[in-house]
Structures are given as C-alpha cells and as structure tokens.
Amino acid sequence: LGLKTVLAADVPTMIFDEVDTGIGGRTATLVGHKLRAVAQG
C-alpha cells in the first residue's frame, strides 16, 4: 500500500485487491483511513 502510494504520483486510478490481507482491529482501521486519504484527488 505504501509503495503504490509513493509511486502513484499522478496516476488517476489505483486498484487494491485485498490489500488488507492478514490484518485486523486498529491496523485495519488505519489502512482504511489511509486508503481514503489516497483517494483524495
């Protein structure tokens, strides 16, 4: 998720297929909010 975000730059569309594999609880919430932030723009 971090690598795609850093390298995305001006990429207009990003696709994540089960990027939440193996996580849960607070970490899953953090990943959800990160994805929401990445989706701005």
PDB file of all heavy atoms in Angstrom:
ATOM      1  N   LEU A   1       0.841  -1.198   0.000  1.00  0.00           N
ATOM      2  CA  LEU A   1       0.000   0.000   0.000  1.00  0.00           C
ATOM      3  C   LEU A   1       0.876   1.248   0.000  1.00  0.00           C
ATOM      4  O   LEU A   1       0.647   2.186  -0.775  1.00  0.00           O
ATOM      5  CB  LEU A   1      -0.923  -0.003   1.225  1.00  0.00           C
ATOM      6  CG  LEU A   1      -1.738   1.266   1.480  1.00  0.00           C
ATOM      7  CD1 LEU A   1      -2.617   1.610   0.281  1.00  0.00           C
ATOM      8  CD2 LEU A   1      -2.592   1.112   2.740  1.00  0.00           C
ATOM      9  N   GLY A   2       1.894   1.256   0.854  1.00  0.00           N
ATOM     10  CA  GLY A   2       2.807   2.403   0.910  1.00  0.00           C
ATOM     11  C   GLY A   2       3.580   2.579  -0.384  1.00  0.00           C
ATOM     12  O   GLY A   2       3.739   3.695  -0.877  1.00  0.00           O
ATOM     13  N   LEU A   3       4.044   1.470  -0.943  1.00  0.00           N
ATOM     14  CA  LEU A   3       4.837   1.525  -2.180  1.00  0.00           C
ATOM     15  C   LEU A   3       3.996   2.068  -3.332  1.00  0.00           C
ATOM     16  O   LEU A   3       4.439   2.936  -4.091  1.00  0.00           O
ATOM     17  CB  LEU A   3       5.369   0.135  -2.511  1.00  0.00           C
ATOM     18  CG  LEU A   3       6.446   0.033  -3.583  1.00  0.00           C
ATOM     19  CD1 LEU A   3       7.666   0.846  -3.207  1.00  0.00           C
ATOM     20  CD2 LEU A   3       6.831  -1.423  -3.807  1.00  0.00           C
ATOM     21  N   LYS A   4       2.772   1.569  -3.455  1.00  0.00           N
ATOM     22  CA  LYS A   4       1.893   2.053  -4.517  1.00  0.00           C
ATOM     23  C   LYS A   4       1.589   3.528  -4.337  1.00  0.00           C
ATOM     24  O   LYS A   4       1.514   4.291  -5.299  1.00  0.00           O
ATOM     25  CB  LYS A   4       0.586   1.252  -4.538  1.00  0.00           C
ATOM     26  CG  LYS A   4       0.684  -0.082  -5.240  1.00  0.00           C
ATOM     27  CD  LYS A   4      -0.704  -0.642  -5.498  1.00  0.00           C
ATOM     28  CE  LYS A   4      -0.664  -1.879  -6.382  1.00  0.00           C
ATOM     29  NZ  LYS A   4      -2.024  -2.325  -6.774  1.00  0.00           N
ATOM     30  N   THR A   5       1.390   3.943  -3.088  1.00  0.00           N
ATOM     31  CA  THR A   5       1.070   5.341  -2.811  1.00  0.00           C
ATOM     32  C   THR A   5       2.227   6.255  -3.193  1.00  0.00           C
ATOM     33  O   THR A   5       2.038   7.292  -3.829  1.00  0.00           O
ATOM     34  CB  THR A   5       0.738   5.527  -1.316  1.00  0.00           C
ATOM     35  OG1 THR A   5      -0.342   4.656  -0.962  1.00  0.00           O
ATOM     36  CG2 THR A   5       0.336   6.962  -1.027  1.00  0.00           C
ATOM     37  N   VAL A   6       3.439   5.857  -2.822  1.00  0.00           N
ATOM     38  CA  VAL A   6       4.622   6.666  -3.118  1.00  0.00           C
ATOM     39  C   VAL A   6       4.861   6.771  -4.617  1.00  0.00           C
ATOM     40  O   VAL A   6       5.208   7.835  -5.139  1.00  0.00           O
ATOM     41  CB  VAL A   6       5.874   6.066  -2.428  1.00  0.00           C
ATOM     42  CG1 VAL A   6       7.137   6.726  -2.935  1.00  0.00           C
ATOM     43  CG2 VAL A   6       5.777   6.241  -0.916  1.00  0.00           C
ATOM     44  N   LEU A   7       4.672   5.659  -5.314  1.00  0.00           N
ATOM     45  CA  LEU A   7       4.986   5.622  -6.739  1.00  0.00           C
ATOM     46  C   LEU A   7       3.836   6.091  -7.626  1.00  0.00           C
ATOM     47  O   LEU A   7       4.005   6.244  -8.832  1.00  0.00           O
ATOM     48  CB  LEU A   7       5.385   4.197  -7.151  1.00  0.00           C
ATOM     49  CG  LEU A   7       6.635   3.629  -6.467  1.00  0.00           C
ATOM     50  CD1 LEU A   7       6.886   2.200  -6.925  1.00  0.00           C
ATOM     51  CD2 LEU A   7       7.856   4.490  -6.759  1.00  0.00           C
ATOM     52  N   ALA A   8       2.664   6.331  -7.026  1.00  0.00           N
ATOM     53  CA  ALA A   8       1.484   6.670  -7.821  1.00  0.00           C
ATOM     54  C   ALA A   8       1.612   8.012  -8.521  1.00  0.00           C
ATOM     55  O   ALA A   8       1.238   8.150  -9.681  1.00  0.00           O
ATOM     56  CB  ALA A   8       0.241   6.666  -6.946  1.00  0.00           C
ATOM     57  N   ALA A   9       2.129   9.013  -7.803  1.00  0.00           N
ATOM     58  CA  ALA A   9       2.282  10.367  -8.362  1.00  0.00           C
ATOM     59  C   ALA A   9       0.976  10.824  -8.990  1.00  0.00           C
ATOM     60  O   ALA A   9       0.001  11.052  -8.300  1.00  0.00           O
ATOM     61  CB  ALA A   9       3.433  10.404  -9.354  1.00  0.00           C
ATOM     62  N   ASP A  10       0.951  10.955 -10.313  1.00  0.00           N
ATOM     63  CA  ASP A  10      -0.239  11.466 -10.990  1.00  0.00           C
ATOM     64  C   ASP A  10      -1.125  10.360 -11.562  1.00  0.00           C
ATOM     65  O   ASP A  10      -1.961  10.629 -12.435  1.00  0.00           O
ATOM     66  CB  ASP A  10       0.188  12.418 -12.127  1.00  0.00           C
ATOM     67  CG  ASP A  10       0.947  13.628 -11.591  1.00  0.00           C
ATOM     68  OD1 ASP A  10       0.604  14.089 -10.494  1.00  0.00           O
ATOM     69  OD2 ASP A  10       1.881  14.082 -12.268  1.00  0.00           O
ATOM     70  N   VAL A  11      -0.954   9.132 -11.089  1.00  0.00           N
ATOM     71  CA  VAL A  11      -1.797   8.035 -11.572  1.00  0.00           C
ATOM     72  C   VAL A  11      -3.249   8.306 -11.184  1.00  0.00           C
ATOM     73  O   VAL A  11      -3.549   8.489  -9.999  1.00  0.00           O
ATOM     74  CB  VAL A  11      -1.334   6.679 -10.972  1.00  0.00           C
ATOM     75  CG1 VAL A  11      -2.291   5.570 -11.356  1.00  0.00           C
ATOM     76  CG2 VAL A  11       0.072   6.366 -11.432  1.00  0.00           C
ATOM     77  N   PRO A  12      -4.171   8.370 -12.148  1.00  0.00           N
ATOM     78  CA  PRO A  12      -5.550   8.755 -11.838  1.00  0.00           C
ATOM     79  C   PRO A  12      -6.377   7.668 -11.167  1.00  0.00           C
ATOM     80  O   PRO A  12      -7.354   7.959 -10.483  1.00  0.00           O
ATOM     81  CB  PRO A  12      -6.135   9.114 -13.211  1.00  0.00           C
ATOM     82  CG  PRO A  12      -5.343   8.279 -14.172  1.00  0.00           C
ATOM     83  CD  PRO A  12      -3.961   8.201 -13.600  1.00  0.00           C
ATOM     84  N   THR A  13      -6.001   6.399 -11.363  1.00  0.00           N
ATOM     85  CA  THR A  13      -6.767   5.290 -10.785  1.00  0.00           C
ATOM     86  C   THR A  13      -5.817   4.265 -10.177  1.00  0.00           C
ATOM     87  O   THR A  13      -4.842   3.861 -10.804  1.00  0.00           O
ATOM     88  CB  THR A  13      -7.635   4.600 -11.855  1.00  0.00           C
ATOM     89  OG1 THR A  13      -8.542   5.545 -12.410  1.00  0.00           O
ATOM     90  CG2 THR A  13      -8.433   3.450 -11.245  1.00  0.00           C
ATOM     91  N   MET A  14      -6.123   3.856  -8.941  1.00  0.00           N
ATOM     92  CA  MET A  14      -5.331   2.827  -8.267  1.00  0.00           C
ATOM     93  C   MET A  14      -6.246   1.684  -7.860  1.00  0.00           C
ATOM     94  O   MET A  14      -7.374   1.913  -7.427  1.00  0.00           O
ATOM     95  CB  MET A  14      -4.622   3.409  -7.031  1.00  0.00           C
ATOM     96  CG  MET A  14      -3.624   4.495  -7.351  1.00  0.00           C
ATOM     97  SD  MET A  14      -2.901   5.237  -5.863  1.00  0.00           S
ATOM     98  CE  MET A  14      -1.945   3.866  -5.233  1.00  0.00           C
ATOM     99  N   ILE A  15      -5.748   0.456  -7.995  1.00  0.00           N
ATOM    100  CA  ILE A  15      -6.549  -0.726  -7.662  1.00  0.00           C
ATOM    101  C   ILE A  15      -5.832  -1.537  -6.587  1.00  0.00           C
ATOM    102  O   ILE A  15      -4.659  -1.876  -6.736  1.00  0.00           O
ATOM    103  CB  ILE A  15      -6.789  -1.603  -8.907  1.00  0.00           C
ATOM    104  CG1 ILE A  15      -7.518  -0.796  -9.984  1.00  0.00           C
ATOM    105  CG2 ILE A  15      -7.586  -2.854  -8.540  1.00  0.00           C
ATOM    106  CD1 ILE A  15      -7.660  -1.518 -11.309  1.00  0.00           C
ATOM    107  N   PHE A  16      -6.550  -1.832  -5.500  1.00  0.00           N
ATOM    108  CA  PHE A  16      -6.006  -2.647  -4.416  1.00  0.00           C
ATOM    109  C   PHE A  16      -6.906  -3.864  -4.251  1.00  0.00           C
ATOM    110  O   PHE A  16      -8.089  -3.730  -3.951  1.00  0.00           O
ATOM    111  CB  PHE A  16      -5.959  -1.859  -3.099  1.00  0.00           C
ATOM    112  CG  PHE A  16      -5.044  -0.674  -3.130  1.00  0.00           C
ATOM    113  CD1 PHE A  16      -5.537   0.585  -3.416  1.00  0.00           C
ATOM    114  CD2 PHE A  16      -3.689  -0.814  -2.891  1.00  0.00           C
ATOM    115  CE1 PHE A  16      -4.701   1.691  -3.437  1.00  0.00           C
ATOM    116  CE2 PHE A  16      -2.844   0.285  -2.925  1.00  0.00           C
ATOM    117  CZ  PHE A  16      -3.346   1.535  -3.194  1.00  0.00           C
ATOM    118  N   ASP A  17      -6.342  -5.053  -4.460  1.00  0.00           N
ATOM    119  CA  ASP A  17      -7.105  -6.284  -4.312  1.00  0.00           C
ATOM    120  C   ASP A  17      -6.721  -6.951  -3.005  1.00  0.00           C
ATOM    121  O   ASP A  17      -5.643  -7.536  -2.883  1.00  0.00           O
ATOM    122  CB  ASP A  17      -6.828  -7.213  -5.503  1.00  0.00           C
ATOM    123  CG  ASP A  17      -7.701  -8.466  -5.462  1.00  0.00           C
ATOM    124  OD1 ASP A  17      -8.586  -8.550  -4.594  1.00  0.00           O
ATOM    125  OD2 ASP A  17      -7.492  -9.355  -6.296  1.00  0.00           O
ATOM    126  N   GLU A  18      -7.587  -6.822  -2.008  1.00  0.00           N
ATOM    127  CA  GLU A  18      -7.372  -7.414  -0.688  1.00  0.00           C
ATOM    128  C   GLU A  18      -6.039  -6.979  -0.086  1.00  0.00           C
ATOM    129  O   GLU A  18      -5.251  -7.793   0.394  1.00  0.00           O
ATOM    130  CB  GLU A  18      -7.479  -8.945  -0.771  1.00  0.00           C
ATOM    131  CG  GLU A  18      -8.857  -9.402  -1.243  1.00  0.00           C
ATOM    132  CD  GLU A  18      -9.056 -10.910  -1.182  1.00  0.00           C
ATOM    133  OE1 GLU A  18      -8.346 -11.566  -0.400  1.00  0.00           O
ATOM    134  OE2 GLU A  18      -9.916 -11.413  -1.895  1.00  0.00           O
ATOM    135  N   VAL A  19      -5.792  -5.668  -0.109  1.00  0.00           N
ATOM    136  CA  VAL A  19      -4.569  -5.118   0.475  1.00  0.00           C
ATOM    137  C   VAL A  19      -4.587  -5.260   1.997  1.00  0.00           C
ATOM    138  O   VAL A  19      -3.577  -5.059   2.657  1.00  0.00           O
ATOM    139  CB  VAL A  19      -4.402  -3.635   0.069  1.00  0.00           C
ATOM    140  CG1 VAL A  19      -5.403  -2.753   0.789  1.00  0.00           C
ATOM    141  CG2 VAL A  19      -2.976  -3.159   0.308  1.00  0.00           C
ATOM    142  N   ASP A  20      -5.747  -5.627   2.541  1.00  0.00           N
ATOM    143  CA  ASP A  20      -5.882  -5.785   3.989  1.00  0.00           C
ATOM    144  C   ASP A  20      -5.648  -7.222   4.453  1.00  0.00           C
ATOM    145  O   ASP A  20      -5.981  -7.580   5.583  1.00  0.00           O
ATOM    146  CB  ASP A  20      -7.276  -5.328   4.428  1.00  0.00           C
ATOM    147  CG  ASP A  20      -8.373  -5.921   3.541  1.00  0.00           C
ATOM    148  OD1 ASP A  20      -8.202  -7.061   3.077  1.00  0.00           O
ATOM    149  OD2 ASP A  20      -9.374  -5.248   3.302  1.00  0.00           O
ATOM    150  N   THR A  21      -5.068  -8.050   3.610  1.00  0.00           N
ATOM    151  CA  THR A  21      -4.822  -9.451   3.965  1.00  0.00           C
ATOM    152  C   THR A  21      -3.977  -9.556   5.235  1.00  0.00           C
ATOM    153  O   THR A  21      -2.941  -8.917   5.364  1.00  0.00           O
ATOM    154  CB  THR A  21      -4.085 -10.176   2.822  1.00  0.00           C
ATOM    155  OG1 THR A  21      -4.911 -10.154   1.660  1.00  0.00           O
ATOM    156  CG2 THR A  21      -3.781 -11.622   3.197  1.00  0.00           C
ATOM    157  N   GLY A  22      -4.452 -10.354   6.184  1.00  0.00           N
ATOM    158  CA  GLY A  22      -3.668 -10.632   7.379  1.00  0.00           C
ATOM    159  C   GLY A  22      -3.681  -9.552   8.441  1.00  0.00           C
ATOM    160  O   GLY A  22      -2.878  -9.594   9.371  1.00  0.00           O
ATOM    161  N   ILE A  23      -4.584  -8.570   8.335  1.00  0.00           N
ATOM    162  CA  ILE A  23      -4.647  -7.523   9.355  1.00  0.00           C
ATOM    163  C   ILE A  23      -6.052  -7.460   9.939  1.00  0.00           C
ATOM    164  O   ILE A  23      -7.001  -8.021   9.405  1.00  0.00           O
ATOM    165  CB  ILE A  23      -4.258  -6.137   8.799  1.00  0.00           C
ATOM    166  CG1 ILE A  23      -5.249  -5.700   7.706  1.00  0.00           C
ATOM    167  CG2 ILE A  23      -2.849  -6.150   8.263  1.00  0.00           C
ATOM    168  CD1 ILE A  23      -5.043  -4.273   7.246  1.00  0.00           C
ATOM    169  N   GLY A  24      -6.178  -6.762  11.035  1.00  0.00           N
ATOM    170  CA  GLY A  24      -7.488  -6.595  11.673  1.00  0.00           C
ATOM    171  C   GLY A  24      -7.391  -5.540  12.752  1.00  0.00           C
ATOM    172  O   GLY A  24      -6.344  -4.922  12.959  1.00  0.00           O
ATOM    173  N   GLY A  25      -8.498  -5.321  13.462  1.00  0.00           N
ATOM    174  CA  GLY A  25      -8.507  -4.391  14.578  1.00  0.00           C
ATOM    175  C   GLY A  25      -8.092  -2.984  14.196  1.00  0.00           C
ATOM    176  O   GLY A  25      -8.482  -2.446  13.169  1.00  0.00           O
ATOM    177  N   ARG A  26      -7.268  -2.378  15.051  1.00  0.00           N
ATOM    178  CA  ARG A  26      -6.841  -0.985  14.863  1.00  0.00           C
ATOM    179  C   ARG A  26      -6.058  -0.820  13.560  1.00  0.00           C
ATOM    180  O   ARG A  26      -6.196   0.198  12.873  1.00  0.00           O
ATOM    181  CB  ARG A  26      -5.982  -0.550  16.053  1.00  0.00           C
ATOM    182  CG  ARG A  26      -5.431   0.866  15.932  1.00  0.00           C
ATOM    183  CD  ARG A  26      -4.677   1.277  17.189  1.00  0.00           C
ATOM    184  NE  ARG A  26      -4.090   2.594  17.020  1.00  0.00           N
ATOM    185  CZ  ARG A  26      -2.884   2.812  16.510  1.00  0.00           C
ATOM    186  NH1 ARG A  26      -2.139   1.792  16.111  1.00  0.00           N
ATOM    187  NH2 ARG A  26      -2.404   4.044  16.402  1.00  0.00           N
ATOM    188  N   THR A  27      -5.246  -1.812  13.217  1.00  0.00           N
ATOM    189  CA  THR A  27      -4.446  -1.715  11.995  1.00  0.00           C
ATOM    190  C   THR A  27      -5.334  -1.630  10.764  1.00  0.00           C
ATOM    191  O   THR A  27      -5.072  -0.859   9.837  1.00  0.00           O
ATOM    192  CB  THR A  27      -3.503  -2.921  11.869  1.00  0.00           C
ATOM    193  OG1 THR A  27      -2.652  -2.976  13.021  1.00  0.00           O
ATOM    194  CG2 THR A  27      -2.625  -2.806  10.633  1.00  0.00           C
ATOM    195  N   ALA A  28      -6.423  -2.411  10.751  1.00  0.00           N
ATOM    196  CA  ALA A  28      -7.359  -2.362   9.629  1.00  0.00           C
ATOM    197  C   ALA A  28      -8.003  -0.985   9.519  1.00  0.00           C
ATOM    198  O   ALA A  28      -8.198  -0.465   8.410  1.00  0.00           O
ATOM    199  CB  ALA A  28      -8.430  -3.434   9.793  1.00  0.00           C
ATOM    200  N   THR A  29      -8.309  -0.380  10.655  1.00  0.00           N
ATOM    201  CA  THR A  29      -8.881   0.972  10.648  1.00  0.00           C
ATOM    202  C   THR A  29      -7.889   1.969  10.067  1.00  0.00           C
ATOM    203  O   THR A  29      -8.250   2.824   9.253  1.00  0.00           O
ATOM    204  CB  THR A  29      -9.261   1.401  12.085  1.00  0.00           C
ATOM    205  OG1 THR A  29     -10.200   0.459  12.616  1.00  0.00           O
ATOM    206  CG2 THR A  29      -9.888   2.789  12.096  1.00  0.00           C
ATOM    207  N   LEU A  30      -6.618   1.838  10.448  1.00  0.00           N
ATOM    208  CA  LEU A  30      -5.583   2.731   9.932  1.00  0.00           C
ATOM    209  C   LEU A  30      -5.430   2.576   8.417  1.00  0.00           C
ATOM    210  O   LEU A  30      -5.285   3.562   7.691  1.00  0.00           O
ATOM    211  CB  LEU A  30      -4.246   2.438  10.618  1.00  0.00           C
ATOM    212  CG  LEU A  30      -4.163   2.774  12.114  1.00  0.00           C
ATOM    213  CD1 LEU A  30      -2.857   2.243  12.705  1.00  0.00           C
ATOM    214  CD2 LEU A  30      -4.263   4.272  12.337  1.00  0.00           C
ATOM    215  N   VAL A  31      -5.486   1.333   7.942  1.00  0.00           N
ATOM    216  CA  VAL A  31      -5.375   1.081   6.496  1.00  0.00           C
ATOM    217  C   VAL A  31      -6.579   1.670   5.771  1.00  0.00           C
ATOM    218  O   VAL A  31      -6.441   2.270   4.695  1.00  0.00           O
ATOM    219  CB  VAL A  31      -5.240  -0.436   6.209  1.00  0.00           C
ATOM    220  CG1 VAL A  31      -5.433  -0.728   4.720  1.00  0.00           C
ATOM    221  CG2 VAL A  31      -3.886  -0.937   6.671  1.00  0.00           C
ATOM    222  N   GLY A  32      -7.772   1.527   6.351  1.00  0.00           N
ATOM    223  CA  GLY A  32      -8.963   2.104   5.743  1.00  0.00           C
ATOM    224  C   GLY A  32      -8.863   3.605   5.597  1.00  0.00           C
ATOM    225  O   GLY A  32      -9.182   4.178   4.543  1.00  0.00           O
ATOM    226  N   HIS A  33      -8.396   4.274   6.649  1.00  0.00           N
ATOM    227  CA  HIS A  33      -8.242   5.734   6.599  1.00  0.00           C
ATOM    228  C   HIS A  33      -7.138   6.142   5.617  1.00  0.00           C
ATOM    229  O   HIS A  33      -7.232   7.192   4.971  1.00  0.00           O
ATOM    230  CB  HIS A  33      -7.949   6.281   7.997  1.00  0.00           C
ATOM    231  CG  HIS A  33      -9.149   6.267   8.895  1.00  0.00           C
ATOM    232  ND1 HIS A  33     -10.248   7.058   8.669  1.00  0.00           N
ATOM    233  CD2 HIS A  33      -9.425   5.553  10.009  1.00  0.00           C
ATOM    234  CE1 HIS A  33     -11.155   6.837   9.603  1.00  0.00           C
ATOM    235  NE2 HIS A  33     -10.685   5.916  10.431  1.00  0.00           N
ATOM    236  N   LYS A  34      -6.095   5.304   5.519  1.00  0.00           N
ATOM    237  CA  LYS A  34      -5.021   5.586   4.565  1.00  0.00           C
ATOM    238  C   LYS A  34      -5.551   5.504   3.135  1.00  0.00           C
ATOM    239  O   LYS A  34      -5.249   6.369   2.291  1.00  0.00           O
ATOM    240  CB  LYS A  34      -3.876   4.584   4.756  1.00  0.00           C
ATOM    241  CG  LYS A  34      -2.687   4.826   3.843  1.00  0.00           C
ATOM    242  CD  LYS A  34      -2.033   6.152   4.150  1.00  0.00           C
ATOM    243  CE  LYS A  34      -0.813   6.380   3.314  1.00  0.00           C
ATOM    244  NZ  LYS A  34      -0.203   7.703   3.555  1.00  0.00           N
ATOM    245  N   LEU A  35      -6.336   4.490   2.850  1.00  0.00           N
ATOM    246  CA  LEU A  35      -6.926   4.346   1.519  1.00  0.00           C
ATOM    247  C   LEU A  35      -7.824   5.535   1.201  1.00  0.00           C
ATOM    248  O   LEU A  35      -7.848   6.030   0.074  1.00  0.00           O
ATOM    249  CB  LEU A  35      -7.718   3.041   1.434  1.00  0.00           C
ATOM    250  CG  LEU A  35      -6.894   1.760   1.343  1.00  0.00           C
ATOM    251  CD1 LEU A  35      -7.761   0.541   1.630  1.00  0.00           C
ATOM    252  CD2 LEU A  35      -6.238   1.634  -0.026  1.00  0.00           C
ATOM    253  N   ARG A  36      -8.581   5.983   2.192  1.00  0.00           N
ATOM    254  CA  ARG A  36      -9.462   7.142   1.999  1.00  0.00           C
ATOM    255  C   ARG A  36      -8.640   8.390   1.684  1.00  0.00           C
ATOM    256  O   ARG A  36      -9.005   9.200   0.820  1.00  0.00           O
ATOM    257  CB  ARG A  36     -10.321   7.361   3.235  1.00  0.00           C
ATOM    258  CG  ARG A  36     -11.434   8.388   3.060  1.00  0.00           C
ATOM    259  CD  ARG A  36     -12.364   8.403   4.262  1.00  0.00           C
ATOM    260  NE  ARG A  36     -13.393   9.414   4.112  1.00  0.00           N
ATOM    261  CZ  ARG A  36     -14.529   9.238   3.447  1.00  0.00           C
ATOM    262  NH1 ARG A  36     -14.780   8.074   2.880  1.00  0.00           N
ATOM    263  NH2 ARG A  36     -15.430  10.204   3.363  1.00  0.00           N
ATOM    264  N   ALA A  37      -7.496   8.544   2.362  1.00  0.00           N
ATOM    265  CA  ALA A  37      -6.627   9.698   2.108  1.00  0.00           C
ATOM    266  C   ALA A  37      -6.015   9.617   0.711  1.00  0.00           C
ATOM    267  O   ALA A  37      -5.923  10.621   0.001  1.00  0.00           O
ATOM    268  CB  ALA A  37      -5.528   9.764   3.170  1.00  0.00           C
ATOM    269  N   VAL A  38      -5.607   8.403   0.309  1.00  0.00           N
ATOM    270  CA  VAL A  38      -5.027   8.212  -1.017  1.00  0.00           C
ATOM    271  C   VAL A  38      -6.045   8.557  -2.104  1.00  0.00           C
ATOM    272  O   VAL A  38      -5.693   9.033  -3.185  1.00  0.00           O
ATOM    273  CB  VAL A  38      -4.538   6.750  -1.185  1.00  0.00           C
ATOM    274  CG1 VAL A  38      -4.130   6.457  -2.620  1.00  0.00           C
ATOM    275  CG2 VAL A  38      -3.354   6.483  -0.251  1.00  0.00           C
ATOM    276  N   ALA A  39      -7.332   8.345  -1.802  1.00  0.00           N
ATOM    277  CA  ALA A  39      -8.395   8.570  -2.788  1.00  0.00           C
ATOM    278  C   ALA A  39      -8.725  10.049  -2.993  1.00  0.00           C
ATOM    279  O   ALA A  39      -9.527  10.383  -3.871  1.00  0.00           O
ATOM    280  CB  ALA A  39      -9.657   7.820  -2.366  1.00  0.00           C
ATOM    281  N   GLN A  40      -8.128  10.922  -2.215  1.00  0.00           N
ATOM    282  CA  GLN A  40      -8.365  12.348  -2.412  1.00  0.00           C
ATOM    283  C   GLN A  40      -7.647  12.789  -3.688  1.00  0.00           C
ATOM    284  O   GLN A  40      -6.431  12.805  -3.750  1.00  0.00           O
ATOM    285  CB  GLN A  40      -7.852  13.155  -1.201  1.00  0.00           C
ATOM    286  CG  GLN A  40      -8.467  12.742   0.124  1.00  0.00           C
ATOM    287  CD  GLN A  40      -9.979  12.786   0.102  1.00  0.00           C
ATOM    288  OE1 GLN A  40     -10.587  13.798  -0.280  1.00  0.00           O
ATOM    289  NE2 GLN A  40     -10.607  11.695   0.497  1.00  0.00           N
ATOM    290  N   GLY A  41      -8.410  13.134  -4.721  1.00  0.00           N
ATOM    291  CA  GLY A  41      -7.802  13.593  -5.959  1.00  0.00           C
ATOM    292  C   GLY A  41      -7.599  12.505  -6.989  1.00  0.00           C
ATOM    293  O   GLY A  41      -7.115  12.764  -8.087  1.00  0.00           O
TER     294      GLY A  41
END
